[in-house]
């Protein structure tokens, strides 16, 4: 029993993350070169809030977003495959979907979710959606801090 509890506690701690307090506030990234576009990925209200999913685009790891964080990745125009992979014990479904990047136009992807609790039972959900620039600018500026992308594209 002690070993099982230690294992559960270790797994919980390893997957917890928060945004560093000294992480930069939101600001738009510089315009990329010809044929490229900035893709902003941010996370607000995606449960469980103390766990991080792994975000990949075209199989390359981009970042593991803590709640209230964002990153920017530069991609060439065209279709790309985005995946949000949650740890199995969170109950949140993995998401796998195409994104259409238009060269010279920024794209904003919001990772969010839902939580319903009823006594000891709960249900979580995760989803991602494209958000208009004005909405994303407001939401990211209001809550999010920058986390550098771990993948270069």
N, C-alpha and C. Protein backbone atom coordinates (compact mmCIF):
# COMPACT_ATOMS: atom_id res chain seq x y z
N UNK A 1 0.82 -1.18 0.00
CA UNK A 1 0.00 0.00 0.00
C UNK A 1 0.87 1.26 0.00
N UNK A 2 1.93 1.26 0.79
CA UNK A 2 2.82 2.42 0.87
C UNK A 2 3.48 2.69 -0.48
N UNK A 3 3.87 1.62 -1.17
CA UNK A 3 4.51 1.78 -2.48
C UNK A 3 3.52 2.39 -3.48
N UNK A 4 2.27 1.93 -3.45
CA UNK A 4 1.26 2.45 -4.37
C UNK A 4 1.02 3.94 -4.11
N UNK A 5 0.90 4.33 -2.85
CA UNK A 5 0.69 5.73 -2.52
C UNK A 5 1.88 6.59 -2.94
N UNK A 6 3.09 6.09 -2.74
CA UNK A 6 4.29 6.81 -3.15
C UNK A 6 4.32 7.00 -4.66
N UNK A 7 3.96 5.96 -5.39
CA UNK A 7 3.93 6.03 -6.86
C UNK A 7 2.90 7.05 -7.33
N UNK A 8 1.71 7.02 -6.76
CA UNK A 8 0.66 7.96 -7.15
C UNK A 8 1.09 9.40 -6.85
N UNK A 9 1.65 9.64 -5.68
CA UNK A 9 2.12 10.97 -5.32
C UNK A 9 3.23 11.44 -6.25
N UNK A 10 4.16 10.57 -6.57
CA UNK A 10 5.27 10.93 -7.48
C UNK A 10 4.76 11.28 -8.86
N UNK A 11 3.81 10.50 -9.38
CA UNK A 11 3.26 10.79 -10.71
C UNK A 11 2.51 12.11 -10.70
N UNK A 12 1.79 12.39 -9.63
CA UNK A 12 1.04 13.64 -9.54
C UNK A 12 1.96 14.84 -9.51
N UNK A 13 3.03 14.76 -8.75
CA UNK A 13 3.98 15.86 -8.64
C UNK A 13 4.72 16.09 -9.95
N UNK A 14 5.11 15.04 -10.62
CA UNK A 14 5.87 15.17 -11.86
C UNK A 14 5.08 15.87 -12.95
N UNK A 15 3.79 15.69 -12.97
CA UNK A 15 3.00 16.26 -14.05
C UNK A 15 2.38 17.61 -13.70
N UNK A 16 2.64 18.11 -12.50
CA UNK A 16 2.11 19.42 -12.11
C UNK A 16 3.01 20.52 -12.64
N UNK A 17 2.40 21.62 -13.00
CA UNK A 17 3.21 22.73 -13.49
C UNK A 17 2.44 24.03 -13.31
N UNK A 18 3.18 25.08 -13.08
CA UNK A 18 2.60 26.41 -13.04
C UNK A 18 3.50 27.33 -13.86
N UNK A 19 2.96 28.47 -14.22
CA UNK A 19 3.72 29.44 -14.99
C UNK A 19 4.66 30.18 -14.04
N UNK A 20 5.95 30.29 -14.37
CA UNK A 20 6.87 31.04 -13.51
C UNK A 20 6.40 32.49 -13.34
N UNK A 21 6.54 33.01 -12.14
CA UNK A 21 6.06 34.38 -11.87
C UNK A 21 6.83 35.44 -12.66
N UNK A 22 8.03 35.10 -13.11
CA UNK A 22 8.82 36.07 -13.88
C UNK A 22 8.66 35.90 -15.39
N UNK A 23 7.74 35.02 -15.81
CA UNK A 23 7.50 34.83 -17.24
C UNK A 23 6.91 36.13 -17.83
N UNK A 24 7.31 36.49 -19.04
CA UNK A 24 6.83 37.74 -19.64
C UNK A 24 5.33 37.76 -19.88
N UNK A 25 4.74 38.94 -19.76
CA UNK A 25 3.34 39.14 -20.10
C UNK A 25 3.19 39.09 -21.62
N UNK A 26 1.95 39.04 -22.07
CA UNK A 26 1.64 38.94 -23.50
C UNK A 26 2.08 40.16 -24.30
N UNK A 27 2.64 39.88 -25.44
CA UNK A 27 2.85 40.88 -26.48
C UNK A 27 2.96 40.11 -27.79
N UNK A 28 2.53 40.74 -28.85
CA UNK A 28 2.58 40.07 -30.15
C UNK A 28 4.02 39.87 -30.59
N UNK A 29 4.23 38.76 -31.25
CA UNK A 29 5.56 38.44 -31.77
C UNK A 29 5.82 39.23 -33.05
N UNK A 30 7.09 39.37 -33.37
CA UNK A 30 7.48 40.04 -34.62
C UNK A 30 6.92 39.26 -35.81
N UNK A 31 6.64 39.97 -36.89
CA UNK A 31 6.16 39.31 -38.10
C UNK A 31 7.22 38.36 -38.64
N UNK A 32 6.81 37.15 -39.03
CA UNK A 32 7.78 36.20 -39.58
C UNK A 32 8.11 36.53 -41.02
N UNK A 33 9.03 35.80 -41.57
CA UNK A 33 9.44 36.00 -42.95
C UNK A 33 8.37 35.59 -43.95
N UNK A 34 8.65 35.77 -45.24
CA UNK A 34 7.70 35.42 -46.31
C UNK A 34 7.34 33.93 -46.26
N UNK A 35 6.07 33.65 -46.50
CA UNK A 35 5.59 32.26 -46.53
C UNK A 35 5.33 31.68 -45.15
N UNK A 36 5.52 32.47 -44.10
CA UNK A 36 5.38 31.98 -42.73
C UNK A 36 4.27 32.72 -41.98
N UNK A 37 3.84 32.13 -40.86
CA UNK A 37 2.83 32.77 -40.01
C UNK A 37 3.10 32.41 -38.56
N UNK A 38 2.74 33.32 -37.66
CA UNK A 38 2.83 33.04 -36.22
C UNK A 38 1.56 32.32 -35.78
N UNK A 39 1.75 31.24 -35.04
CA UNK A 39 0.63 30.51 -34.45
C UNK A 39 0.76 30.65 -32.94
N UNK A 40 -0.24 31.29 -32.33
CA UNK A 40 -0.28 31.49 -30.88
C UNK A 40 -1.12 30.36 -30.29
N UNK A 41 -0.60 29.72 -29.27
CA UNK A 41 -1.32 28.65 -28.59
C UNK A 41 -1.40 29.04 -27.12
N UNK A 42 -2.61 29.08 -26.59
CA UNK A 42 -2.75 29.45 -25.18
C UNK A 42 -3.76 28.56 -24.48
N UNK A 43 -3.66 28.54 -23.15
CA UNK A 43 -4.48 27.64 -22.35
C UNK A 43 -5.17 28.41 -21.23
N UNK A 44 -6.51 28.33 -21.23
CA UNK A 44 -7.33 28.94 -20.19
C UNK A 44 -8.47 27.98 -19.87
N UNK A 45 -8.60 27.57 -18.61
CA UNK A 45 -9.74 26.77 -18.17
C UNK A 45 -9.73 25.34 -18.67
N UNK A 46 -8.57 24.79 -18.97
CA UNK A 46 -8.48 23.39 -19.39
C UNK A 46 -8.17 22.54 -18.17
N UNK A 47 -9.15 21.78 -17.73
CA UNK A 47 -9.01 20.95 -16.52
C UNK A 47 -8.34 19.64 -16.87
N UNK A 48 -7.60 19.09 -15.93
CA UNK A 48 -7.28 19.60 -14.60
C UNK A 48 -6.21 20.69 -14.70
N UNK A 49 -6.43 21.80 -14.01
CA UNK A 49 -5.60 22.98 -14.18
C UNK A 49 -4.17 22.82 -13.68
N UNK A 50 -3.92 21.86 -12.79
CA UNK A 50 -2.54 21.67 -12.31
C UNK A 50 -1.77 20.62 -13.08
N UNK A 51 -2.35 20.13 -14.16
CA UNK A 51 -1.66 19.15 -15.01
C UNK A 51 -1.44 19.77 -16.38
N UNK A 52 -0.43 19.29 -17.08
CA UNK A 52 -0.12 19.84 -18.40
C UNK A 52 -0.25 18.78 -19.49
N UNK A 53 -0.87 19.14 -20.60
CA UNK A 53 -0.85 18.25 -21.75
C UNK A 53 0.43 18.50 -22.55
N UNK A 54 0.71 17.61 -23.47
CA UNK A 54 1.82 17.80 -24.40
C UNK A 54 1.22 18.26 -25.72
N UNK A 55 1.69 19.39 -26.24
CA UNK A 55 1.20 19.91 -27.51
C UNK A 55 2.25 19.66 -28.58
N UNK A 56 1.83 19.03 -29.67
CA UNK A 56 2.72 18.78 -30.80
C UNK A 56 2.07 19.31 -32.08
N UNK A 57 2.92 19.70 -33.01
CA UNK A 57 2.45 20.06 -34.35
C UNK A 57 3.33 19.30 -35.34
N UNK A 58 2.68 18.56 -36.22
CA UNK A 58 3.38 17.73 -37.20
C UNK A 58 4.39 16.80 -36.53
N UNK A 59 4.04 16.31 -35.34
CA UNK A 59 4.89 15.35 -34.63
C UNK A 59 6.00 15.97 -33.81
N UNK A 60 6.19 17.28 -33.88
CA UNK A 60 7.23 17.95 -33.10
C UNK A 60 6.62 18.55 -31.83
N UNK A 61 7.25 18.28 -30.71
CA UNK A 61 6.76 18.83 -29.44
C UNK A 61 6.93 20.34 -29.45
N UNK A 62 5.86 21.05 -29.14
CA UNK A 62 5.88 22.52 -29.12
C UNK A 62 6.05 23.02 -27.70
N UNK A 63 5.14 22.61 -26.80
CA UNK A 63 5.29 22.93 -25.39
C UNK A 63 4.27 22.18 -24.57
N UNK A 64 4.48 22.17 -23.26
CA UNK A 64 3.57 21.55 -22.30
C UNK A 64 2.95 22.70 -21.50
N UNK A 65 1.81 23.21 -21.96
CA UNK A 65 1.30 24.47 -21.41
C UNK A 65 0.68 24.36 -20.02
N UNK A 66 1.28 25.04 -19.05
CA UNK A 66 0.57 25.16 -17.77
C UNK A 66 -0.66 26.04 -17.99
N UNK A 67 -1.61 25.94 -17.10
CA UNK A 67 -2.79 26.81 -17.14
C UNK A 67 -2.33 28.27 -17.14
N UNK A 68 -2.97 29.11 -17.94
CA UNK A 68 -2.69 30.54 -18.07
C UNK A 68 -1.31 30.83 -18.68
N UNK A 69 -0.97 30.05 -19.70
CA UNK A 69 0.29 30.27 -20.42
C UNK A 69 0.00 30.34 -21.92
N UNK A 70 1.01 30.85 -22.66
CA UNK A 70 0.91 30.86 -24.11
C UNK A 70 2.31 30.73 -24.70
N UNK A 71 2.35 30.33 -25.96
CA UNK A 71 3.58 30.32 -26.72
C UNK A 71 3.26 30.74 -28.15
N UNK A 72 4.31 30.99 -28.90
CA UNK A 72 4.16 31.34 -30.32
C UNK A 72 5.12 30.46 -31.10
N UNK A 73 4.64 29.87 -32.16
CA UNK A 73 5.48 29.07 -33.04
C UNK A 73 5.26 29.59 -34.46
N UNK A 74 6.33 29.63 -35.25
CA UNK A 74 6.26 30.09 -36.63
C UNK A 74 6.18 28.87 -37.54
N UNK A 75 5.17 28.86 -38.40
CA UNK A 75 4.95 27.73 -39.30
C UNK A 75 4.81 28.22 -40.74
N UNK A 76 5.16 27.37 -41.70
CA UNK A 76 4.90 27.72 -43.09
C UNK A 76 3.40 27.59 -43.37
N UNK A 77 2.93 28.33 -44.37
CA UNK A 77 1.53 28.22 -44.75
C UNK A 77 1.19 26.80 -45.17
N UNK A 78 -0.06 26.42 -44.97
CA UNK A 78 -0.53 25.09 -45.35
C UNK A 78 -1.21 24.38 -44.19
N UNK A 79 -1.56 23.11 -44.42
CA UNK A 79 -2.20 22.30 -43.39
C UNK A 79 -1.16 21.66 -42.49
N UNK A 80 -1.44 21.66 -41.20
CA UNK A 80 -0.57 21.05 -40.20
C UNK A 80 -1.42 20.24 -39.24
N UNK A 81 -0.83 19.23 -38.63
CA UNK A 81 -1.56 18.38 -37.69
C UNK A 81 -1.16 18.75 -36.26
N UNK A 82 -2.15 19.16 -35.47
CA UNK A 82 -1.92 19.55 -34.08
C UNK A 82 -2.48 18.47 -33.17
N UNK A 83 -1.75 18.18 -32.10
CA UNK A 83 -2.20 17.17 -31.15
C UNK A 83 -2.02 17.71 -29.74
N UNK A 84 -3.03 17.49 -28.92
CA UNK A 84 -2.97 17.82 -27.50
C UNK A 84 -3.13 16.50 -26.76
N UNK A 85 -2.06 16.08 -26.11
CA UNK A 85 -1.99 14.75 -25.50
C UNK A 85 -1.98 14.88 -23.97
N UNK A 86 -3.07 14.47 -23.34
CA UNK A 86 -3.19 14.51 -21.88
C UNK A 86 -2.69 13.20 -21.28
N UNK A 87 -2.14 13.25 -20.08
CA UNK A 87 -1.75 12.05 -19.35
C UNK A 87 -3.02 11.25 -19.07
N UNK A 88 -2.95 9.93 -19.18
CA UNK A 88 -4.13 9.07 -19.11
C UNK A 88 -4.95 9.26 -17.84
N UNK A 89 -4.32 9.56 -16.73
CA UNK A 89 -5.06 9.61 -15.46
C UNK A 89 -5.83 10.90 -15.25
N UNK A 90 -5.74 11.86 -16.17
CA UNK A 90 -6.48 13.11 -16.01
C UNK A 90 -7.95 12.95 -16.38
N UNK A 91 -8.25 11.99 -17.21
CA UNK A 91 -9.62 11.82 -17.69
C UNK A 91 -9.94 12.72 -18.87
N UNK A 92 -9.03 13.60 -19.25
CA UNK A 92 -9.26 14.48 -20.40
C UNK A 92 -8.90 13.74 -21.68
N UNK A 93 -9.73 13.88 -22.70
CA UNK A 93 -9.44 13.18 -23.96
C UNK A 93 -8.29 13.86 -24.71
N UNK A 94 -7.52 13.06 -25.43
CA UNK A 94 -6.52 13.62 -26.33
C UNK A 94 -7.25 14.22 -27.52
N UNK A 95 -6.66 15.25 -28.10
CA UNK A 95 -7.25 15.90 -29.25
C UNK A 95 -6.25 15.84 -30.40
N UNK A 96 -6.73 15.57 -31.59
CA UNK A 96 -5.88 15.48 -32.78
C UNK A 96 -6.68 16.10 -33.93
N UNK A 97 -6.17 17.21 -34.49
CA UNK A 97 -6.96 17.93 -35.48
C UNK A 97 -6.04 18.72 -36.41
N UNK A 98 -6.52 19.01 -37.63
CA UNK A 98 -5.73 19.81 -38.57
C UNK A 98 -5.89 21.31 -38.27
N UNK A 99 -4.83 22.06 -38.53
CA UNK A 99 -4.93 23.52 -38.50
C UNK A 99 -4.47 24.03 -39.86
N UNK A 100 -5.16 25.04 -40.35
CA UNK A 100 -4.84 25.63 -41.64
C UNK A 100 -4.14 26.96 -41.41
N UNK A 101 -2.87 27.01 -41.76
CA UNK A 101 -2.06 28.21 -41.56
C UNK A 101 -1.96 28.96 -42.88
N UNK A 102 -2.31 30.25 -42.83
CA UNK A 102 -2.21 31.11 -44.01
C UNK A 102 -0.98 32.00 -43.83
N UNK A 103 -0.05 31.92 -44.76
CA UNK A 103 1.17 32.73 -44.67
C UNK A 103 0.82 34.20 -44.49
N UNK A 104 1.50 34.84 -43.54
CA UNK A 104 1.30 36.25 -43.27
C UNK A 104 0.14 36.58 -42.35
N UNK A 105 -0.64 35.55 -41.94
CA UNK A 105 -1.78 35.77 -41.05
C UNK A 105 -1.60 34.97 -39.77
N UNK A 106 -1.63 35.66 -38.64
CA UNK A 106 -1.50 34.96 -37.36
C UNK A 106 -2.72 34.08 -37.11
N UNK A 107 -2.48 32.98 -36.41
CA UNK A 107 -3.53 32.04 -36.04
C UNK A 107 -3.50 31.90 -34.52
N UNK A 108 -4.66 31.88 -33.89
CA UNK A 108 -4.77 31.79 -32.43
C UNK A 108 -5.56 30.55 -32.06
N UNK A 109 -4.94 29.65 -31.30
CA UNK A 109 -5.58 28.42 -30.87
C UNK A 109 -5.69 28.44 -29.34
N UNK A 110 -6.90 28.30 -28.85
CA UNK A 110 -7.17 28.30 -27.41
C UNK A 110 -7.46 26.87 -26.94
N UNK A 111 -6.71 26.44 -25.92
CA UNK A 111 -6.96 25.15 -25.28
C UNK A 111 -7.78 25.45 -24.03
N UNK A 112 -8.95 24.86 -23.95
CA UNK A 112 -9.84 25.12 -22.82
C UNK A 112 -10.59 23.84 -22.48
N UNK A 113 -11.57 23.92 -21.61
CA UNK A 113 -12.27 22.71 -21.24
C UNK A 113 -13.46 22.97 -20.35
N UNK A 114 -13.90 21.89 -19.74
CA UNK A 114 -15.05 21.97 -18.85
C UNK A 114 -14.84 21.02 -17.67
N UNK A 115 -15.54 21.31 -16.59
CA UNK A 115 -15.47 20.47 -15.39
C UNK A 115 -16.86 20.44 -14.78
N UNK A 116 -17.33 19.23 -14.52
CA UNK A 116 -18.61 19.06 -13.82
C UNK A 116 -18.40 18.10 -12.66
N UNK A 117 -18.77 18.56 -11.49
CA UNK A 117 -18.65 17.73 -10.30
C UNK A 117 -19.99 17.52 -9.65
N UNK A 118 -20.16 16.34 -9.06
CA UNK A 118 -21.39 16.01 -8.35
C UNK A 118 -21.00 15.10 -7.19
N UNK A 119 -20.73 15.70 -6.04
CA UNK A 119 -20.28 14.89 -4.91
C UNK A 119 -18.89 14.36 -5.17
N UNK A 120 -18.74 13.06 -5.11
CA UNK A 120 -17.43 12.44 -5.34
C UNK A 120 -17.16 12.15 -6.81
N UNK A 121 -18.17 12.28 -7.64
CA UNK A 121 -18.00 12.01 -9.07
C UNK A 121 -17.72 13.31 -9.81
N UNK A 122 -16.91 13.21 -10.85
CA UNK A 122 -16.63 14.38 -11.67
C UNK A 122 -16.40 13.95 -13.10
N UNK A 123 -16.52 14.90 -13.99
CA UNK A 123 -16.26 14.66 -15.40
C UNK A 123 -15.52 15.87 -15.95
N UNK A 124 -14.43 15.62 -16.67
CA UNK A 124 -13.67 16.70 -17.27
C UNK A 124 -13.72 16.58 -18.78
N UNK A 125 -13.54 17.69 -19.44
CA UNK A 125 -13.51 17.70 -20.89
C UNK A 125 -12.46 18.69 -21.36
N UNK A 126 -11.91 18.45 -22.51
CA UNK A 126 -10.89 19.31 -23.07
C UNK A 126 -11.23 19.55 -24.54
N UNK A 127 -11.02 20.77 -24.98
CA UNK A 127 -11.18 21.05 -26.39
C UNK A 127 -10.29 22.22 -26.79
N UNK A 128 -10.09 22.37 -28.07
CA UNK A 128 -9.28 23.45 -28.61
C UNK A 128 -10.08 24.08 -29.74
N UNK A 129 -9.91 25.41 -29.87
CA UNK A 129 -10.64 26.08 -30.94
C UNK A 129 -9.84 27.27 -31.44
N UNK A 130 -10.08 27.60 -32.70
CA UNK A 130 -9.49 28.80 -33.28
C UNK A 130 -10.28 30.00 -32.77
N UNK A 131 -9.55 31.04 -32.39
CA UNK A 131 -10.16 32.22 -31.79
C UNK A 131 -9.78 33.44 -32.63
N UNK A 132 -10.70 34.38 -32.84
CA UNK A 132 -10.35 35.61 -33.56
C UNK A 132 -9.28 36.40 -32.81
N UNK A 133 -8.46 37.13 -33.55
CA UNK A 133 -7.34 37.86 -32.96
C UNK A 133 -7.77 38.80 -31.84
N UNK A 134 -8.84 39.56 -32.03
CA UNK A 134 -9.27 40.52 -31.00
C UNK A 134 -9.61 39.81 -29.69
N UNK A 135 -10.30 38.68 -29.78
CA UNK A 135 -10.65 37.90 -28.58
C UNK A 135 -9.40 37.35 -27.94
N UNK A 136 -8.52 36.76 -28.75
CA UNK A 136 -7.29 36.18 -28.22
C UNK A 136 -6.41 37.25 -27.57
N UNK A 137 -6.25 38.39 -28.22
CA UNK A 137 -5.45 39.48 -27.65
C UNK A 137 -5.95 39.84 -26.25
N UNK A 138 -7.27 39.98 -26.11
CA UNK A 138 -7.86 40.33 -24.83
C UNK A 138 -7.62 39.23 -23.79
N UNK A 139 -7.95 37.98 -24.17
CA UNK A 139 -7.84 36.86 -23.22
C UNK A 139 -6.40 36.62 -22.79
N UNK A 140 -5.47 36.61 -23.74
CA UNK A 140 -4.07 36.33 -23.40
C UNK A 140 -3.49 37.46 -22.56
N UNK A 141 -3.78 38.71 -22.92
CA UNK A 141 -3.27 39.85 -22.15
C UNK A 141 -3.82 39.84 -20.73
N UNK A 142 -5.05 39.39 -20.56
CA UNK A 142 -5.71 39.39 -19.25
C UNK A 142 -5.17 38.31 -18.32
N UNK A 143 -4.66 37.23 -18.86
CA UNK A 143 -4.32 36.12 -17.97
C UNK A 143 -2.95 35.47 -18.16
N UNK A 144 -2.43 35.50 -19.35
CA UNK A 144 -1.39 34.54 -19.69
C UNK A 144 0.03 35.11 -19.69
N UNK A 145 0.96 34.22 -19.43
CA UNK A 145 2.39 34.54 -19.48
C UNK A 145 3.05 33.65 -20.52
N UNK A 146 4.14 34.15 -21.08
CA UNK A 146 4.83 33.47 -22.17
C UNK A 146 5.70 32.32 -21.66
N UNK A 147 5.59 31.19 -22.33
CA UNK A 147 6.47 30.04 -22.14
C UNK A 147 7.09 29.76 -23.51
N UNK A 148 8.40 29.77 -23.59
CA UNK A 148 9.06 29.53 -24.88
C UNK A 148 8.74 28.15 -25.42
N UNK A 149 8.58 28.08 -26.72
CA UNK A 149 8.34 26.83 -27.39
C UNK A 149 9.57 25.94 -27.27
N UNK A 150 9.35 24.66 -27.03
CA UNK A 150 10.49 23.74 -26.93
C UNK A 150 10.86 23.20 -28.29
N UNK A 151 10.01 23.43 -29.28
CA UNK A 151 10.31 22.97 -30.63
C UNK A 151 10.54 24.15 -31.54
N UNK A 152 11.53 24.06 -32.37
CA UNK A 152 11.75 25.10 -33.35
C UNK A 152 11.27 24.60 -34.68
N UNK A 153 10.63 25.45 -35.42
CA UNK A 153 10.07 25.03 -36.70
C UNK A 153 10.62 25.92 -37.79
